[in-house]
Amino acid sequence: MTAIHIVAAIIFALALIHTFAAKSIEHFAHRHPKHAGLLHLLGEVEVVFGFWAFVLIGAMAALSGGEEAIAYVESRQYTEPLFVFVIMVIAASRPVLEFVKTIVALLARAMPFNTALAQVWLCLAAVPLMGSLITEPAAMTLAALMLAPRVFRPDMPESLKYAVLGVLFVNVSIGGTLTSFAAPPVLMVAVRWNWDSGFMLMHLGWKAVIAVLINASAMAFLLRKPLRSEKMEAQTTEMPIAVSIMHLLLLSGVVLFAHHPAIFIGLFLFFLGFTQAYERFQSPLILREGLLVGFFLAGLVVLGGMQQWWLQPVVSSLGPKALFFGALGLTAITDNAALTYLGSLIDGIGDAAKYMLVAGAVAGGGLTVIANAPNPAGVALLRAGFEDQSISASGLLFGALLPTVVAALCFLIL
């Protein structure tokens, strides 16, 4: 432990406090219009960790020299922020979104209750489970865009919005555990511990399915009255099959090469050219939202890389059951993928401890914005539906508590 480690821990703590204060900063911006622009910027959750990452880099330069600060920044791995940005933009493109909407609409019509309510249930259950194939960030993007006009609207009570947000975040976090490549916290340990998709489905996946279905069904029950009079939205445009197929192929290619930025960035550049060539079949791309999320995650990579000195001793000192609850709690204040990565570095960790670490990390992935990599994407796409166009960290925490308990019980008891 050195002086810079202590400074980094303090800056990380300040970033966490800033995250919880973002909603208050937005209120402050409305009362002080002279500085509203700067306050609105600092009140955006996606900006928080990127901002404090620059503070850390400045502190490192002051304490250790500019070359060492630059060397540290360049030593970090930014594949995940780049991937989340790319997958968000492609998954939110109109052809992909309309394809998924069509599938959801067909399934909703076959269900024996209100079709609008059925659509919401599918967005909270089926789409998060799809994350095991198309990756969690893509599932979060699609579910958020389909839920936004149904649930995150002015006439819906704020408490219900936070409850839906909590269920969505928790279900996406656990819904990617049916395979070994879709959930970031699983991906960090899968190769080192020889966990393939069959292992994931047998030990974690089926339990996650039960928790997802319970959470989604409970939320649908709470929404039955607000959505009672809602009608199924009609499909007004036709999308050429060739355009849809090309978008889906590009999405699949990005998922397939998720760990090879040189390839998926190349596919993304081709995607941008293709959208320009067939602009009449496109909606505006969510480049701004995707870049903000990438900035957030990159900042978390920079800040999180300096926290290993205190996180790893905590993780390595816990027994299996304590490790589950420790991971559940620590996930709320640090990225769950970073937590499982630190666990993978512990020599001689037992099979029970491995399971408890990953189960706790994914179960707690909906508690805060930083708990799971796809969460900033959900915040960026849904915050416009909340008061002051800002999501309260405490509101999200309380909204995610009950679905987190359900997920935790399923992983512990089943």
Foldseek 3Di string as FASTA:
>chain_A
DDPLLVVLVVLLVVLVVLLQCLVVLLVVLVVPVVCNVVSPQSSQNLCRLLVSLVVSLVVCCVPPNNVVSVVLLVPFDLLLLLLLLLLLQLLLKLLNLVVVVVVLQVVLVPDDDASLLSSLLCLQAVLLLCLLPLALLSSLNSSLVSCQVPALADVHDPLLVLLSLLSNQLLNLLSNQLAQQRFLQSVLCCVLVVPGNVNSNVQRNVLSNVLSNVSSVVSSVVCCVVCVPPHDDDDDDDDDPVLSVLSVVLSNQCSVVSVPCVVNVVSSVVVVVVCVVVVVSTDDGPNVLSVSLSSSVSSLSSSVVSNLVPLLVVLVVDDLVRNLVVLLVVLQSHALNSNSNSVSPDPPDDPSNNLSSSLSLSLNRQQFCRSGSSSSSSLSSRLCSDVSSHDRSVSNNVSNVVSSVSSSCSSPPD
